[in-house]
Amino acid sequence: MSTPSNSEEFYKKLREQLFETASWPSEYLYKFIVKTDTDKIADLEAIFDNMGAVINTTASKNGKYTSVSINLCMSDPDAVIAKYKEVAEKIEGVISL
């Protein structure tokens, strides 16, 4: 899920899909890709700190990028989207999948 230029429309569609596919509260898996930079990865992890998240990181084959998977229980689709927006605002160059 790379956020397109019309992000509000994108988030509106995502919200509808999340309501249709899960009963809330529900487990949600976030996936992000960032350039391998310990500060960026730490900042990303800090956004989900103290939420009971299970965080896994995997470096790409050449080590230039890192995949960050974050699994946690979210209360509703609006909470899921709020975290996506917070990540996009605070972490430069992040790719949301």
C-alpha atoms as a PDB file:
ATOM      1  CA  MET A   1       0.000   0.000   0.000  1.00  0.00           C
ATOM      2  CA  SER A   2       1.904   2.948  -1.221  1.00  0.00           C
ATOM      3  CA  THR A   3      -0.112   6.069  -0.506  1.00  0.00           C
ATOM      4  CA  PRO A   4      -1.214   7.805  -3.726  1.00  0.00           C
ATOM      5  CA  SER A   5      -1.395  11.556  -4.234  1.00  0.00           C
ATOM      6  CA  ASN A   6      -5.100  11.619  -3.327  1.00  0.00           C
ATOM      7  CA  SER A   7      -4.497  10.163   0.115  1.00  0.00           C
ATOM      8  CA  GLU A   8      -7.870  11.048   1.658  1.00  0.00           C
ATOM      9  CA  GLU A   9      -9.683   9.028  -1.015  1.00  0.00           C
ATOM     10  CA  PHE A  10      -7.199   6.201  -0.474  1.00  0.00           C
ATOM     11  CA  TYR A  11      -7.781   6.189   3.294  1.00  0.00           C
ATOM     12  CA  LYS A  12     -11.556   6.305   2.785  1.00  0.00           C
ATOM     13  CA  LYS A  13     -11.379   3.139   0.635  1.00  0.00           C
ATOM     14  CA  LEU A  14      -9.026   1.459   3.102  1.00  0.00           C
ATOM     15  CA  ARG A  15     -11.412   2.245   5.966  1.00  0.00           C
ATOM     16  CA  GLU A  16     -14.310   0.643   4.074  1.00  0.00           C
ATOM     17  CA  GLN A  17     -12.227  -2.463   3.282  1.00  0.00           C
ATOM     18  CA  LEU A  18     -11.135  -2.823   6.897  1.00  0.00           C
ATOM     19  CA  PHE A  19     -14.726  -2.667   8.143  1.00  0.00           C
ATOM     20  CA  GLU A  20     -15.761  -5.319   5.605  1.00  0.00           C
ATOM     21  CA  THR A  21     -12.941  -7.780   6.264  1.00  0.00           C
ATOM     22  CA  ALA A  22     -12.639  -7.882  10.051  1.00  0.00           C
ATOM     23  CA  SER A  23     -14.595  -7.598  13.258  1.00  0.00           C
ATOM     24  CA  TRP A  24     -13.133  -5.002  15.590  1.00  0.00           C
ATOM     25  CA  PRO A  25     -11.065  -4.904  17.744  1.00  0.00           C
ATOM     26  CA  SER A  26      -8.791  -7.061  15.607  1.00  0.00           C
ATOM     27  CA  GLU A  27      -5.179  -8.021  14.991  1.00  0.00           C
ATOM     28  CA  TYR A  28      -3.618  -5.904  12.234  1.00  0.00           C
ATOM     29  CA  LEU A  29      -0.311  -6.355  10.429  1.00  0.00           C
ATOM     30  CA  TYR A  30       1.455  -3.208   9.292  1.00  0.00           C
ATOM     31  CA  LYS A  31       4.304  -3.541   6.796  1.00  0.00           C
ATOM     32  CA  PHE A  32       6.735  -0.770   6.023  1.00  0.00           C
ATOM     33  CA  ILE A  33       9.947  -0.435   4.037  1.00  0.00           C
ATOM     34  CA  VAL A  34      12.566   2.145   4.984  1.00  0.00           C
ATOM     35  CA  LYS A  35      16.134   2.805   3.951  1.00  0.00           C
ATOM     36  CA  THR A  36      18.349   0.955   6.385  1.00  0.00           C
ATOM     37  CA  ASP A  37      19.005   3.612   9.007  1.00  0.00           C
ATOM     38  CA  THR A  38      18.950   2.694  12.674  1.00  0.00           C
ATOM     39  CA  ASP A  39      17.451   6.075  13.619  1.00  0.00           C
ATOM     40  CA  LYS A  40      14.550   5.712  11.145  1.00  0.00           C
ATOM     41  CA  ILE A  41      13.862   2.162  12.269  1.00  0.00           C
ATOM     42  CA  ALA A  42      13.953   3.232  15.941  1.00  0.00           C
ATOM     43  CA  ASP A  43      11.599   6.154  15.192  1.00  0.00           C
ATOM     44  CA  LEU A  44       9.202   3.796  13.420  1.00  0.00           C
ATOM     45  CA  GLU A  45       9.277   1.338  16.317  1.00  0.00           C
ATOM     46  CA  ALA A  46       8.714   4.202  18.796  1.00  0.00           C
ATOM     47  CA  ILE A  47       5.413   5.097  17.108  1.00  0.00           C
ATOM     48  CA  PHE A  48       4.099   1.663  18.139  1.00  0.00           C
ATOM     49  CA  ASP A  49       5.848   1.590  21.541  1.00  0.00           C
ATOM     50  CA  ASN A  50       3.802   0.547  24.594  1.00  0.00           C
ATOM     51  CA  MET A  51       0.985  -0.851  22.442  1.00  0.00           C
ATOM     52  CA  GLY A  52       1.871  -4.539  22.780  1.00  0.00           C
ATOM     53  CA  ALA A  53       3.181  -4.684  19.229  1.00  0.00           C
ATOM     54  CA  VAL A  54       5.263  -7.559  17.908  1.00  0.00           C
ATOM     55  CA  ILE A  55       7.891  -5.989  15.635  1.00  0.00           C
ATOM     56  CA  ASN A  56      10.089  -7.865  13.161  1.00  0.00           C
ATOM     57  CA  THR A  57      12.729  -6.354  10.903  1.00  0.00           C
ATOM     58  CA  THR A  58      14.377  -7.913   7.872  1.00  0.00           C
ATOM     59  CA  ALA A  59      17.188  -6.324   5.879  1.00  0.00           C
ATOM     60  CA  SER A  60      17.107  -6.576   2.095  1.00  0.00           C
ATOM     61  CA  LYS A  61      19.638  -8.775   0.332  1.00  0.00           C
ATOM     62  CA  ASN A  62      22.028  -5.891  -0.281  1.00  0.00           C
ATOM     63  CA  GLY A  63      21.243  -4.240   3.068  1.00  0.00           C
ATOM     64  CA  LYS A  64      20.058  -0.946   1.556  1.00  0.00           C
ATOM     65  CA  TYR A  65      16.468  -1.301   2.788  1.00  0.00           C
ATOM     66  CA  THR A  66      14.770  -2.799   5.827  1.00  0.00           C
ATOM     67  CA  SER A  67      11.297  -4.307   5.989  1.00  0.00           C
ATOM     68  CA  VAL A  68       9.492  -3.654   9.263  1.00  0.00           C
ATOM     69  CA  SER A  69       6.445  -5.792  10.139  1.00  0.00           C
ATOM     70  CA  ILE A  70       4.346  -4.696  13.088  1.00  0.00           C
ATOM     71  CA  ASN A  71       1.541  -6.894  14.411  1.00  0.00           C
ATOM     72  CA  LEU A  72      -0.810  -5.603  17.087  1.00  0.00           C
ATOM     73  CA  CYS A  73      -4.412  -5.402  18.195  1.00  0.00           C
ATOM     74  CA  MET A  74      -6.169  -2.282  16.945  1.00  0.00           C
ATOM     75  CA  SER A  75      -9.537  -1.030  18.169  1.00  0.00           C
ATOM     76  CA  ASP A  76     -11.038  -0.059  14.808  1.00  0.00           C
ATOM     77  CA  PRO A  77     -10.179   0.962  11.223  1.00  0.00           C
ATOM     78  CA  ASP A  78      -9.857   4.621  12.226  1.00  0.00           C
ATOM     79  CA  ALA A  79      -7.083   3.693  14.678  1.00  0.00           C
ATOM     80  CA  VAL A  80      -5.313   1.711  11.925  1.00  0.00           C
ATOM     81  CA  ILE A  81      -5.457   4.678   9.556  1.00  0.00           C
ATOM     82  CA  ALA A  82      -4.334   7.122  12.255  1.00  0.00           C
ATOM     83  CA  LYS A  83      -1.137   5.091  12.699  1.00  0.00           C
ATOM     84  CA  TYR A  84      -0.504   5.017   8.938  1.00  0.00           C
ATOM     85  CA  LYS A  85      -0.857   8.810   8.860  1.00  0.00           C
ATOM     86  CA  GLU A  86       1.412   9.249  11.888  1.00  0.00           C
ATOM     87  CA  VAL A  87       4.106   7.087  10.290  1.00  0.00           C
ATOM     88  CA  ALA A  88       3.863   8.973   6.972  1.00  0.00           C
ATOM     89  CA  GLU A  89       4.144  12.289   8.819  1.00  0.00           C
ATOM     90  CA  LYS A  90       7.083  11.356  11.065  1.00  0.00           C
ATOM     91  CA  ILE A  91       9.229   8.998   8.948  1.00  0.00           C
ATOM     92  CA  GLU A  92      10.640  10.503   5.773  1.00  0.00           C
ATOM     93  CA  GLY A  93      10.739   8.178   2.771  1.00  0.00           C
ATOM     94  CA  VAL A  94       8.751   5.348   4.361  1.00  0.00           C
ATOM     95  CA  ILE A  95       6.834   3.018   2.059  1.00  0.00           C
ATOM     96  CA  SER A  96       3.631   1.528   3.469  1.00  0.00           C
ATOM     97  CA  LEU A  97       2.566  -1.844   2.113  1.00  0.00           C
END
